[in-house]
Amino acid sequence: MADFFTVKAVFQVEDAKGKIKKQTETYLVDAMSVTEAEARLTTYLTERGENDFEIKSASKSNIVSVVASGK
């Protein structure tokens, strides 16, 4: 059975004035370990064309299940 991990990634984004700022986003990843969660998120972001990011942290989540509708 897989667990859920929260993984934080930091991106460098340009604001409306052209200033570079750091933006942190948190992802919920289904994985067996912290290492696997980090690797899955890295693959996910890279496949979507993100190149300028850093994995900042990863930890086991207290979430036990994700329920989604079939729609």
Protein backbone atom coordinates (compact mmCIF):
# COMPACT_ATOMS: atom_id res chain seq x y z
CA MET A 1 0.00 0.00 0.00
CA ALA A 2 1.35 3.40 -0.97
CA ASP A 3 1.42 6.42 1.29
CA PHE A 4 0.90 10.08 0.52
CA PHE A 5 3.67 12.64 0.83
CA THR A 6 3.62 16.41 0.70
CA VAL A 7 6.45 17.68 -1.45
CA LYS A 8 7.33 21.37 -1.73
CA ALA A 9 8.94 22.77 -4.85
CA VAL A 10 10.35 26.28 -5.21
CA PHE A 11 10.08 28.04 -8.56
CA GLN A 12 11.64 31.28 -9.75
CA VAL A 13 8.95 33.43 -11.35
CA GLU A 14 9.00 36.88 -12.84
CA ASP A 15 6.45 39.35 -11.45
CA ALA A 16 4.67 42.09 -13.42
CA LYS A 17 7.57 44.50 -12.83
CA GLY A 18 10.15 42.02 -14.17
CA LYS A 19 11.53 41.17 -10.74
CA ILE A 20 12.47 37.53 -10.10
CA LYS A 21 10.79 36.07 -7.03
CA LYS A 22 10.63 32.64 -5.43
CA GLN A 23 7.26 30.89 -5.30
CA THR A 24 6.68 27.72 -3.28
CA GLU A 25 4.05 25.19 -4.32
CA THR A 26 3.00 22.10 -2.39
CA TYR A 27 2.10 18.82 -4.11
CA LEU A 28 0.47 15.66 -2.75
CA VAL A 29 2.33 12.62 -4.12
CA ASP A 30 1.36 8.95 -3.93
CA ALA A 31 4.59 7.02 -3.26
CA MET A 32 6.24 4.35 -1.12
CA SER A 33 9.00 6.57 0.29
CA VAL A 34 10.20 10.17 0.50
CA THR A 35 12.84 9.45 -2.13
CA GLU A 36 10.24 8.06 -4.53
CA ALA A 37 7.93 11.04 -3.89
CA GLU A 38 10.73 13.49 -4.74
CA ALA A 39 11.61 11.54 -7.89
CA ARG A 40 7.98 11.36 -9.02
CA LEU A 41 7.48 15.09 -8.58
CA THR A 42 10.74 15.86 -10.40
CA THR A 43 9.60 13.69 -13.33
CA TYR A 44 6.11 15.24 -13.27
CA LEU A 45 7.41 18.81 -13.37
CA THR A 46 10.10 18.10 -15.96
CA GLU A 47 7.59 16.43 -18.29
CA ARG A 48 5.48 19.60 -18.09
CA GLY A 49 8.38 21.77 -19.22
CA GLU A 50 9.41 23.11 -15.81
CA ASN A 51 13.19 23.38 -15.61
CA ASP A 52 13.87 26.08 -13.04
CA PHE A 53 12.70 24.49 -9.78
CA GLU A 54 14.14 22.99 -6.63
CA ILE A 55 12.59 20.33 -4.39
CA LYS A 56 12.67 22.02 -0.99
CA SER A 57 11.12 19.41 1.31
CA ALA A 58 9.16 16.18 1.45
CA SER A 59 7.35 14.55 4.33
CA LYS A 60 4.79 11.85 4.99
CA SER A 61 1.25 13.20 4.96
CA ASN A 62 -1.51 12.36 7.42
CA ILE A 63 -3.92 11.89 4.50
CA VAL A 64 -5.07 8.29 4.32
CA SER A 65 -7.08 8.38 1.09
CA VAL A 66 -8.06 10.65 -1.77
CA VAL A 67 -11.68 10.32 -2.86
CA ALA A 68 -12.50 11.56 -6.36
CA SER A 69 -15.76 11.52 -8.25
CA GLY A 70 -16.07 9.56 -11.46
CA LYS A 71 -17.06 12.69 -13.41
